[in-house]
C-alpha atoms as a PDB file:
ATOM      1  CA  UNK A   1      -1.263 -33.552 -29.935  1.00  0.00           C
ATOM      2  CA  UNK A   2      -0.974 -31.701 -33.242  1.00  0.00           C
ATOM      3  CA  UNK A   3       2.117 -29.752 -34.226  1.00  0.00           C
ATOM      4  CA  UNK A   4       0.190 -26.470 -33.930  1.00  0.00           C
ATOM      5  CA  UNK A   5      -1.049 -27.363 -30.444  1.00  0.00           C
ATOM      6  CA  UNK A   6       2.469 -28.374 -29.330  1.00  0.00           C
ATOM      7  CA  UNK A   7       3.943 -25.082 -30.557  1.00  0.00           C
ATOM      8  CA  UNK A   8       1.198 -23.179 -28.761  1.00  0.00           C
ATOM      9  CA  UNK A   9       1.885 -25.005 -25.505  1.00  0.00           C
ATOM     10  CA  UNK A  10       5.640 -24.413 -25.799  1.00  0.00           C
ATOM     11  CA  UNK A  11       5.062 -20.707 -26.509  1.00  0.00           C
ATOM     12  CA  UNK A  12       2.779 -20.515 -23.488  1.00  0.00           C
ATOM     13  CA  UNK A  13       5.393 -22.101 -21.220  1.00  0.00           C
ATOM     14  CA  UNK A  14       8.191 -19.899 -22.577  1.00  0.00           C
ATOM     15  CA  UNK A  15       6.032 -16.823 -22.028  1.00  0.00           C
ATOM     16  CA  UNK A  16       5.361 -17.808 -18.426  1.00  0.00           C
ATOM     17  CA  UNK A  17       9.079 -18.414 -17.823  1.00  0.00           C
ATOM     18  CA  UNK A  18       9.968 -15.001 -19.229  1.00  0.00           C
ATOM     19  CA  UNK A  19       7.312 -13.254 -17.131  1.00  0.00           C
ATOM     20  CA  UNK A  20       8.483 -15.122 -14.029  1.00  0.00           C
ATOM     21  CA  UNK A  21      12.071 -14.101 -14.740  1.00  0.00           C
ATOM     22  CA  UNK A  22      11.125 -10.436 -15.108  1.00  0.00           C
ATOM     23  CA  UNK A  23       9.125 -10.549 -11.877  1.00  0.00           C
ATOM     24  CA  UNK A  24      11.830 -12.386  -9.939  1.00  0.00           C
ATOM     25  CA  UNK A  25      14.802 -10.279 -11.084  1.00  0.00           C
ATOM     26  CA  UNK A  26      14.182  -7.278  -8.761  1.00  0.00           C
ATOM     27  CA  UNK A  27      13.698  -9.612  -5.787  1.00  0.00           C
ATOM     28  CA  UNK A  28      16.903 -11.450  -6.671  1.00  0.00           C
ATOM     29  CA  UNK A  29      18.801  -8.167  -6.942  1.00  0.00           C
ATOM     30  CA  UNK A  30      17.390  -6.942  -3.635  1.00  0.00           C
ATOM     31  CA  UNK A  31      18.320 -10.071  -1.690  1.00  0.00           C
ATOM     32  CA  UNK A  32      21.812 -10.692  -3.039  1.00  0.00           C
ATOM     33  CA  UNK A  33      22.808  -7.048  -2.556  1.00  0.00           C
ATOM     34  CA  UNK A  34      22.181  -7.381   1.180  1.00  0.00           C
ATOM     35  CA  UNK A  35      25.142  -9.784   1.437  1.00  0.00           C
ATOM     36  CA  UNK A  36      27.616  -7.599  -0.474  1.00  0.00           C
ATOM     37  CA  UNK A  37      29.988  -4.806   0.406  1.00  0.00           C
ATOM     38  CA  UNK A  38      29.489  -1.464  -1.400  1.00  0.00           C
ATOM     39  CA  UNK A  39      32.483  -2.128  -3.665  1.00  0.00           C
ATOM     40  CA  UNK A  40      31.284  -5.610  -4.528  1.00  0.00           C
ATOM     41  CA  UNK A  41      27.752  -4.379  -5.260  1.00  0.00           C
ATOM     42  CA  UNK A  42      29.100  -1.688  -7.609  1.00  0.00           C
ATOM     43  CA  UNK A  43      31.485  -4.067  -9.396  1.00  0.00           C
ATOM     44  CA  UNK A  44      28.968  -6.882  -9.942  1.00  0.00           C
ATOM     45  CA  UNK A  45      25.349  -5.757  -9.378  1.00  0.00           C
ATOM     46  CA  UNK A  46      23.734  -9.050 -10.425  1.00  0.00           C
ATOM     47  CA  UNK A  47      26.561 -11.405  -9.501  1.00  0.00           C
ATOM     48  CA  UNK A  48      26.447 -13.703  -6.508  1.00  0.00           C
ATOM     49  CA  UNK A  49      28.268 -12.506  -3.378  1.00  0.00           C
ATOM     50  CA  UNK A  50      31.658 -13.974  -2.603  1.00  0.00           C
ATOM     51  CA  UNK A  51      30.395 -14.979   0.864  1.00  0.00           C
ATOM     52  CA  UNK A  52      27.263 -14.667   2.956  1.00  0.00           C
ATOM     53  CA  UNK A  53      28.023 -11.672   5.138  1.00  0.00           C
ATOM     54  CA  UNK A  54      25.223 -10.863   7.604  1.00  0.00           C
ATOM     55  CA  UNK A  55      26.913  -7.743   8.957  1.00  0.00           C
ATOM     56  CA  UNK A  56      24.662  -5.535   6.816  1.00  0.00           C
ATOM     57  CA  UNK A  57      21.618  -6.970   8.585  1.00  0.00           C
ATOM     58  CA  UNK A  58      23.146  -6.316  12.001  1.00  0.00           C
ATOM     59  CA  UNK A  59      23.862  -2.701  11.027  1.00  0.00           C
ATOM     60  CA  UNK A  60      20.308  -2.331   9.727  1.00  0.00           C
ATOM     61  CA  UNK A  61      18.846  -3.608  13.009  1.00  0.00           C
ATOM     62  CA  UNK A  62      20.722  -0.936  14.931  1.00  0.00           C
ATOM     63  CA  UNK A  63      19.984   1.846  12.439  1.00  0.00           C
ATOM     64  CA  UNK A  64      16.212   1.414  12.172  1.00  0.00           C
ATOM     65  CA  UNK A  65      15.091   0.512  15.729  1.00  0.00           C
ATOM     66  CA  UNK A  66      13.585  -2.628  14.239  1.00  0.00           C
ATOM     67  CA  UNK A  67      11.791  -4.226  17.183  1.00  0.00           C
ATOM     68  CA  UNK A  68      10.007  -1.050  18.294  1.00  0.00           C
ATOM     69  CA  UNK A  69       8.993  -0.199  14.730  1.00  0.00           C
ATOM     70  CA  UNK A  70       7.660  -3.720  14.133  1.00  0.00           C
ATOM     71  CA  UNK A  71       5.657  -3.488  17.366  1.00  0.00           C
ATOM     72  CA  UNK A  72       4.089  -0.257  16.104  1.00  0.00           C
ATOM     73  CA  UNK A  73       3.311  -1.891  12.752  1.00  0.00           C
ATOM     74  CA  UNK A  74       1.629  -4.827  14.460  1.00  0.00           C
ATOM     75  CA  UNK A  75      -0.478  -2.586  16.707  1.00  0.00           C
ATOM     76  CA  UNK A  76      -1.687  -0.347  13.875  1.00  0.00           C
ATOM     77  CA  UNK A  77      -2.329  -3.204  11.450  1.00  0.00           C
ATOM     78  CA  UNK A  78      -4.063  -5.608  13.838  1.00  0.00           C
ATOM     79  CA  UNK A  79      -6.367  -3.002  15.422  1.00  0.00           C
ATOM     80  CA  UNK A  80      -7.231  -1.516  12.014  1.00  0.00           C
ATOM     81  CA  UNK A  81      -8.090  -4.910  10.531  1.00  0.00           C
ATOM     82  CA  UNK A  82     -10.273  -5.871  13.512  1.00  0.00           C
ATOM     83  CA  UNK A  83     -12.193  -2.583  13.292  1.00  0.00           C
ATOM     84  CA  UNK A  84     -12.585  -2.958   9.538  1.00  0.00           C
ATOM     85  CA  UNK A  85     -14.058  -6.440   9.830  1.00  0.00           C
ATOM     86  CA  UNK A  86     -16.381  -5.358  12.657  1.00  0.00           C
ATOM     87  CA  UNK A  87     -17.810  -2.216  11.073  1.00  0.00           C
ATOM     88  CA  UNK A  88     -17.655  -3.219   7.408  1.00  0.00           C
ATOM     89  CA  UNK A  89     -19.398  -6.555   7.942  1.00  0.00           C
ATOM     90  CA  UNK A  90     -22.360  -4.935   9.690  1.00  0.00           C
ATOM     91  CA  UNK A  91     -22.591  -2.127   7.135  1.00  0.00           C
ATOM     92  CA  UNK A  92     -22.355  -4.562   4.215  1.00  0.00           C
ATOM     93  CA  UNK A  93     -25.071  -6.767   5.734  1.00  0.00           C
ATOM     94  CA  UNK A  94     -27.523  -3.871   6.068  1.00  0.00           C
ATOM     95  CA  UNK A  95     -26.764  -2.617   2.553  1.00  0.00           C
ATOM     96  CA  UNK A  96     -27.072  -6.100   1.046  1.00  0.00           C
ATOM     97  CA  UNK A  97     -30.341  -7.061   2.735  1.00  0.00           C
ATOM     98  CA  UNK A  98     -32.253  -3.774   2.918  1.00  0.00           C
ATOM     99  CA  UNK A  99     -34.511  -2.717   0.035  1.00  0.00           C
ATOM    100  CA  UNK A 100     -34.762   0.928   1.144  1.00  0.00           C
ATOM    101  CA  UNK A 101     -33.405   3.474  -1.289  1.00  0.00           C
ATOM    102  CA  UNK A 102     -31.323   5.236   1.361  1.00  0.00           C
ATOM    103  CA  UNK A 103     -29.055   2.206   1.706  1.00  0.00           C
ATOM    104  CA  UNK A 104     -28.466   2.060  -2.042  1.00  0.00           C
ATOM    105  CA  UNK A 105     -27.430   5.715  -1.884  1.00  0.00           C
ATOM    106  CA  UNK A 106     -25.090   4.909   1.004  1.00  0.00           C
ATOM    107  CA  UNK A 107     -23.521   2.125  -1.012  1.00  0.00           C
ATOM    108  CA  UNK A 108     -23.019   4.498  -3.941  1.00  0.00           C
ATOM    109  CA  UNK A 109     -21.254   6.904  -1.575  1.00  0.00           C
ATOM    110  CA  UNK A 110     -18.954   4.114  -0.444  1.00  0.00           C
ATOM    111  CA  UNK A 111     -18.211   3.292  -4.085  1.00  0.00           C
ATOM    112  CA  UNK A 112     -17.141   6.893  -4.605  1.00  0.00           C
ATOM    113  CA  UNK A 113     -14.497   6.210  -1.977  1.00  0.00           C
ATOM    114  CA  UNK A 114     -13.060   3.556  -4.320  1.00  0.00           C
ATOM    115  CA  UNK A 115     -12.806   6.038  -7.167  1.00  0.00           C
ATOM    116  CA  UNK A 116     -11.551   9.172  -5.442  1.00  0.00           C
ATOM    117  CA  UNK A 117      -8.128   8.818  -3.777  1.00  0.00           C
ATOM    118  CA  UNK A 118      -7.992   9.887  -0.162  1.00  0.00           C
ATOM    119  CA  UNK A 119      -4.865  11.936  -0.861  1.00  0.00           C
ATOM    120  CA  UNK A 120      -7.011  14.815  -2.113  1.00  0.00           C
ATOM    121  CA  UNK A 121      -8.408  15.148   1.428  1.00  0.00           C
ATOM    122  CA  UNK A 122      -5.053  15.140   3.218  1.00  0.00           C
ATOM    123  CA  UNK A 123      -5.334  18.748   4.413  1.00  0.00           C
ATOM    124  CA  UNK A 124      -8.874  18.359   5.881  1.00  0.00           C
ATOM    125  CA  UNK A 125      -7.860  15.032   7.444  1.00  0.00           C
ATOM    126  CA  UNK A 126      -4.815  16.647   8.999  1.00  0.00           C
ATOM    127  CA  UNK A 127      -6.986  19.411  10.467  1.00  0.00           C
ATOM    128  CA  UNK A 128      -9.565  16.921  11.782  1.00  0.00           C
ATOM    129  CA  UNK A 129      -6.985  14.651  13.433  1.00  0.00           C
ATOM    130  CA  UNK A 130      -5.201  17.682  14.885  1.00  0.00           C
ATOM    131  CA  UNK A 131      -8.495  19.092  16.196  1.00  0.00           C
ATOM    132  CA  UNK A 132      -9.230  15.783  17.910  1.00  0.00           C
ATOM    133  CA  UNK A 133      -5.784  15.881  19.593  1.00  0.00           C
ATOM    134  CA  UNK A 134      -4.850  12.621  17.903  1.00  0.00           C
ATOM    135  CA  UNK A 135      -1.690  13.810  16.188  1.00  0.00           C
ATOM    136  CA  UNK A 136       1.324  11.620  16.849  1.00  0.00           C
ATOM    137  CA  UNK A 137      -0.871   8.784  18.141  1.00  0.00           C
ATOM    138  CA  UNK A 138      -1.490   5.341  16.768  1.00  0.00           C
ATOM    139  CA  UNK A 139      -5.224   5.907  17.177  1.00  0.00           C
ATOM    140  CA  UNK A 140      -5.154   8.776  14.686  1.00  0.00           C
ATOM    141  CA  UNK A 141      -3.429   6.603  12.080  1.00  0.00           C
ATOM    142  CA  UNK A 142      -5.849   3.749  12.769  1.00  0.00           C
ATOM    143  CA  UNK A 143      -8.932   5.939  12.300  1.00  0.00           C
ATOM    144  CA  UNK A 144      -7.659   7.297   9.001  1.00  0.00           C
ATOM    145  CA  UNK A 145      -6.648   3.840   7.767  1.00  0.00           C
ATOM    146  CA  UNK A 146     -10.013   2.328   8.658  1.00  0.00           C
ATOM    147  CA  UNK A 147     -12.613   4.950   7.814  1.00  0.00           C
ATOM    148  CA  UNK A 148     -10.885   7.014   5.136  1.00  0.00           C
ATOM    149  CA  UNK A 149      -8.858   4.491   3.149  1.00  0.00           C
ATOM    150  CA  UNK A 150      -9.851   0.827   3.438  1.00  0.00           C
ATOM    151  CA  UNK A 151     -13.518   0.794   4.480  1.00  0.00           C
ATOM    152  CA  UNK A 152     -15.086   1.259   0.978  1.00  0.00           C
ATOM    153  CA  UNK A 153     -13.328  -1.718  -0.609  1.00  0.00           C
ATOM    154  CA  UNK A 154     -14.021  -3.911   2.416  1.00  0.00           C
ATOM    155  CA  UNK A 155     -17.744  -3.123   2.318  1.00  0.00           C
ATOM    156  CA  UNK A 156     -17.804  -3.742  -1.439  1.00  0.00           C
ATOM    157  CA  UNK A 157     -16.251  -7.209  -1.080  1.00  0.00           C
ATOM    158  CA  UNK A 158     -18.399  -8.249   1.892  1.00  0.00           C
ATOM    159  CA  UNK A 159     -21.640  -7.033   0.311  1.00  0.00           C
ATOM    160  CA  UNK A 160     -21.007  -9.120  -2.796  1.00  0.00           C
ATOM    161  CA  UNK A 161     -20.415 -12.240  -0.738  1.00  0.00           C
ATOM    162  CA  UNK A 162     -23.457 -11.693   1.510  1.00  0.00           C
ATOM    163  CA  UNK A 163     -25.658 -11.801  -1.597  1.00  0.00           C
ATOM    164  CA  UNK A 164     -24.589 -15.437  -2.036  1.00  0.00           C
ATOM    165  CA  UNK A 165     -25.856 -16.402   1.443  1.00  0.00           C
ATOM    166  CA  UNK A 166     -29.426 -17.784   1.258  1.00  0.00           C
ATOM    167  CA  UNK A 167     -31.871 -15.366   2.848  1.00  0.00           C
ATOM    168  CA  UNK A 168     -33.986 -18.338   3.992  1.00  0.00           C
ATOM    169  CA  UNK A 169     -31.501 -18.883   6.822  1.00  0.00           C
ATOM    170  CA  UNK A 170     -32.339 -15.472   8.239  1.00  0.00           C
ATOM    171  CA  UNK A 171     -36.058 -15.934   7.763  1.00  0.00           C
ATOM    172  CA  UNK A 172     -35.909 -19.183   9.723  1.00  0.00           C
ATOM    173  CA  UNK A 173     -33.943 -17.456  12.478  1.00  0.00           C
ATOM    174  CA  UNK A 174     -36.496 -14.629  12.671  1.00  0.00           C
ATOM    175  CA  UNK A 175     -39.317 -17.153  12.982  1.00  0.00           C
ATOM    176  CA  UNK A 176     -37.509 -18.664  15.957  1.00  0.00           C
ATOM    177  CA  UNK A 177     -37.453 -15.260  17.651  1.00  0.00           C
ATOM    178  CA  UNK A 178     -33.913 -14.216  16.734  1.00  0.00           C
ATOM    179  CA  UNK A 179     -33.316 -10.466  16.405  1.00  0.00           C
ATOM    180  CA  UNK A 180     -31.418  -8.792  13.572  1.00  0.00           C
ATOM    181  CA  UNK A 181     -28.223  -8.218  15.538  1.00  0.00           C
ATOM    182  CA  UNK A 182     -28.157 -11.727  16.945  1.00  0.00           C
ATOM    183  CA  UNK A 183     -29.080 -13.234  13.574  1.00  0.00           C
ATOM    184  CA  UNK A 184     -26.137 -11.537  11.911  1.00  0.00           C
ATOM    185  CA  UNK A 185     -23.485 -12.552  14.443  1.00  0.00           C
ATOM    186  CA  UNK A 186     -24.746 -16.106  15.054  1.00  0.00           C
ATOM    187  CA  UNK A 187     -26.035 -17.084  11.608  1.00  0.00           C
ATOM    188  CA  UNK A 188     -24.543 -14.900   8.890  1.00  0.00           C
ATOM    189  CA  UNK A 189     -21.111 -13.921  10.184  1.00  0.00           C
ATOM    190  CA  UNK A 190     -19.837 -17.515  10.589  1.00  0.00           C
ATOM    191  CA  UNK A 191     -20.753 -18.128   6.928  1.00  0.00           C
ATOM    192  CA  UNK A 192     -18.558 -15.212   5.865  1.00  0.00           C
ATOM    193  CA  UNK A 193     -15.292 -16.874   6.916  1.00  0.00           C
ATOM    194  CA  UNK A 194     -13.890 -17.233   3.353  1.00  0.00           C
ATOM    195  CA  UNK A 195     -14.405 -13.588   2.442  1.00  0.00           C
ATOM    196  CA  UNK A 196     -13.403 -12.430   5.938  1.00  0.00           C
ATOM    197  CA  UNK A 197     -10.079 -14.225   5.466  1.00  0.00           C
ATOM    198  CA  UNK A 198      -9.634 -12.532   2.091  1.00  0.00           C
ATOM    199  CA  UNK A 199     -10.497  -9.128   3.547  1.00  0.00           C
ATOM    200  CA  UNK A 200      -8.084  -9.634   6.456  1.00  0.00           C
ATOM    201  CA  UNK A 201      -5.227 -10.507   4.116  1.00  0.00           C
ATOM    202  CA  UNK A 202      -5.828  -7.673   1.651  1.00  0.00           C
ATOM    203  CA  UNK A 203      -6.181  -5.072   4.394  1.00  0.00           C
ATOM    204  CA  UNK A 204      -3.150  -6.388   6.261  1.00  0.00           C
ATOM    205  CA  UNK A 205      -1.055  -6.007   3.123  1.00  0.00           C
ATOM    206  CA  UNK A 206      -2.384  -2.500   2.481  1.00  0.00           C
ATOM    207  CA  UNK A 207      -2.068  -1.154   6.025  1.00  0.00           C
ATOM    208  CA  UNK A 208       1.326  -2.728   6.731  1.00  0.00           C
ATOM    209  CA  UNK A 209       2.735  -1.205   3.528  1.00  0.00           C
ATOM    210  CA  UNK A 210       1.097   2.191   4.056  1.00  0.00           C
ATOM    211  CA  UNK A 211       3.794   4.860   4.233  1.00  0.00           C
ATOM    212  CA  UNK A 212       1.974   8.148   3.689  1.00  0.00           C
ATOM    213  CA  UNK A 213      -0.468   7.980   6.615  1.00  0.00           C
ATOM    214  CA  UNK A 214       2.132   7.279   9.345  1.00  0.00           C
ATOM    215  CA  UNK A 215       4.444   9.848   7.753  1.00  0.00           C
ATOM    216  CA  UNK A 216       1.769  12.545   8.074  1.00  0.00           C
ATOM    217  CA  UNK A 217       0.434  11.758  11.533  1.00  0.00           C
ATOM    218  CA  UNK A 218       3.374  10.256  13.449  1.00  0.00           C
ATOM    219  CA  UNK A 219       6.404  12.349  14.383  1.00  0.00           C
ATOM    220  CA  UNK A 220       7.959  10.665  17.444  1.00  0.00           C
ATOM    221  CA  UNK A 221      10.695   8.107  16.693  1.00  0.00           C
ATOM    222  CA  UNK A 222       9.237   5.701  19.257  1.00  0.00           C
ATOM    223  CA  UNK A 223       5.906   5.645  17.375  1.00  0.00           C
ATOM    224  CA  UNK A 224       7.326   5.263  13.850  1.00  0.00           C
ATOM    225  CA  UNK A 225       6.539   2.231  11.678  1.00  0.00           C
ATOM    226  CA  UNK A 226       9.012   0.161   9.694  1.00  0.00           C
ATOM    227  CA  UNK A 227       8.777   2.106   6.431  1.00  0.00           C
ATOM    228  CA  UNK A 228       9.371   5.355   8.277  1.00  0.00           C
ATOM    229  CA  UNK A 229      12.528   3.886   9.783  1.00  0.00           C
ATOM    230  CA  UNK A 230      13.638   2.785   6.325  1.00  0.00           C
ATOM    231  CA  UNK A 231      12.964   6.260   4.935  1.00  0.00           C
ATOM    232  CA  UNK A 232      14.987   7.925   7.670  1.00  0.00           C
ATOM    233  CA  UNK A 233      18.066   6.099   6.431  1.00  0.00           C
ATOM    234  CA  UNK A 234      17.826   7.465   2.896  1.00  0.00           C
ATOM    235  CA  UNK A 235      20.581  10.022   2.426  1.00  0.00           C
ATOM    236  CA  UNK A 236      19.795  13.465   0.946  1.00  0.00           C
ATOM    237  CA  UNK A 237      22.501  13.129  -1.720  1.00  0.00           C
ATOM    238  CA  UNK A 238      23.468   9.433  -1.751  1.00  0.00           C
ATOM    239  CA  UNK A 239      22.374   6.154  -0.207  1.00  0.00           C
ATOM    240  CA  UNK A 240      24.385   3.121   0.815  1.00  0.00           C
ATOM    241  CA  UNK A 241      22.300   0.471  -0.918  1.00  0.00           C
ATOM    242  CA  UNK A 242      24.055  -2.440   0.801  1.00  0.00           C
ATOM    243  CA  UNK A 243      22.755  -1.039   4.109  1.00  0.00           C
ATOM    244  CA  UNK A 244      19.423   0.170   2.743  1.00  0.00           C
ATOM    245  CA  UNK A 245      18.357  -3.112   1.124  1.00  0.00           C
ATOM    246  CA  UNK A 246      18.563  -5.171   4.355  1.00  0.00           C
ATOM    247  CA  UNK A 247      16.110  -2.686   5.886  1.00  0.00           C
ATOM    248  CA  UNK A 248      13.705  -3.293   3.024  1.00  0.00           C
ATOM    249  CA  UNK A 249      14.041  -7.058   3.375  1.00  0.00           C
ATOM    250  CA  UNK A 250      13.432  -7.013   7.127  1.00  0.00           C
ATOM    251  CA  UNK A 251      10.478  -4.638   6.705  1.00  0.00           C
ATOM    252  CA  UNK A 252       8.716  -6.886   4.200  1.00  0.00           C
ATOM    253  CA  UNK A 253       9.760 -10.278   5.585  1.00  0.00           C
ATOM    254  CA  UNK A 254       6.967 -10.534   8.231  1.00  0.00           C
ATOM    255  CA  UNK A 255       4.412  -9.687   5.557  1.00  0.00           C
ATOM    256  CA  UNK A 256       5.833 -12.244   3.123  1.00  0.00           C
ATOM    257  CA  UNK A 257       5.682 -14.971   5.782  1.00  0.00           C
ATOM    258  CA  UNK A 258       2.111 -13.949   6.651  1.00  0.00           C
ATOM    259  CA  UNK A 259       1.020 -14.070   3.021  1.00  0.00           C
ATOM    260  CA  UNK A 260       2.681 -17.425   2.333  1.00  0.00           C
ATOM    261  CA  UNK A 261       0.690 -19.014   5.156  1.00  0.00           C
ATOM    262  CA  UNK A 262      -2.556 -17.237   4.269  1.00  0.00           C
ATOM    263  CA  UNK A 263      -2.566 -17.187   0.453  1.00  0.00           C
ATOM    264  CA  UNK A 264      -4.720 -20.322   0.338  1.00  0.00           C
ATOM    265  CA  UNK A 265      -7.440 -18.380   2.155  1.00  0.00           C
ATOM    266  CA  UNK A 266      -7.478 -15.751  -0.591  1.00  0.00           C
ATOM    267  CA  UNK A 267      -8.142 -18.393  -3.229  1.00  0.00           C
ATOM    268  CA  UNK A 268     -10.834 -20.014  -1.074  1.00  0.00           C
ATOM    269  CA  UNK A 269     -12.572 -16.674  -0.615  1.00  0.00           C
ATOM    270  CA  UNK A 270     -12.565 -15.883  -4.327  1.00  0.00           C
ATOM    271  CA  UNK A 271     -13.738 -19.366  -5.335  1.00  0.00           C
ATOM    272  CA  UNK A 272     -16.455 -19.502  -2.660  1.00  0.00           C
ATOM    273  CA  UNK A 273     -17.778 -16.126  -3.710  1.00  0.00           C
ATOM    274  CA  UNK A 274     -17.945 -17.157  -7.368  1.00  0.00           C
ATOM    275  CA  UNK A 275     -19.639 -20.552  -7.077  1.00  0.00           C
ATOM    276  CA  UNK A 276     -21.765 -20.269  -3.954  1.00  0.00           C
ATOM    277  CA  UNK A 277     -25.509 -19.755  -4.184  1.00  0.00           C
END
C-alpha cells in the first residue's frame, strides 16, 4: 500500500472513531448519571460513579407506574403495527399493479402525507377524535398513529418492493383460477417478508417513541404511555436528573433490546429491495 493510501485509511479510521465518540458520549452520560447521587452528578458529570447504586431505578419504578405504562405502550404499538401492515400492504399492492390513473393520483396523495407534517392538522384531528367519542382511549391514539402519521411512508416502502416481485407469478396464479385477494395473501404477501420486517421495525420505533399523540388524546394516568410518565416527573422549575435519567433508560430499554434483535432484518429488507428483480 502506498504512503498516500495508508494516510487515507488512517484518516478514515480516525474520523470514524471521532464520530463514534461523539455519538456515544450522550449515551455514556445518560447511563452513568443513573448510578450517581445529585451531589456526585454535579461534582463530576462525566466521571464514573463511586459505586453502582440502583436506588435511583427503584425510585423511578415507583414514580412512573412503569409496568402499566409499558403495557399501554405495547398495546398501542403492536395493534398499530399490525393494522399498518394489513392496510398498507393491500393499498401498496393495488397502487403498484394497477395501470389506472386514479391509483397514481392516490399514490401522489399519500406522498403528500410524507411532505406535510400531521401537526398542522392537530385541531381538526382533535375535533374528529372527540366527535367519535374516542378521547382518552387507546383506539383513538391507534387510529391517528396508523392513518394520519405512519401510513404514507409504509405504503411508499411496500410499493417500491412490490415492483421487484415478478408479475408472472400473479399471472400464473390467475390462470389457475386464483382471485386477486387470494393471490395477494397466498402468493405476494409471503414474498414481502424482508420489507415487512423493515416496516415493522421502523413503525415500532416511531410509534413507541411518539410523545405528542398520546399527550393530546390520553388524559387518564392508567392509560398513559412511558414518555408521558417520564414527562410528568419533569419539575416546573428544576429537575432531579439522577431520578429523571433512570426513567429515560427504562423507557427506551425495551426498544433498544427489540432493535438489537431485529436490526439484521432491516439490512435484509434494504438489500433485498435493491438487488431483487
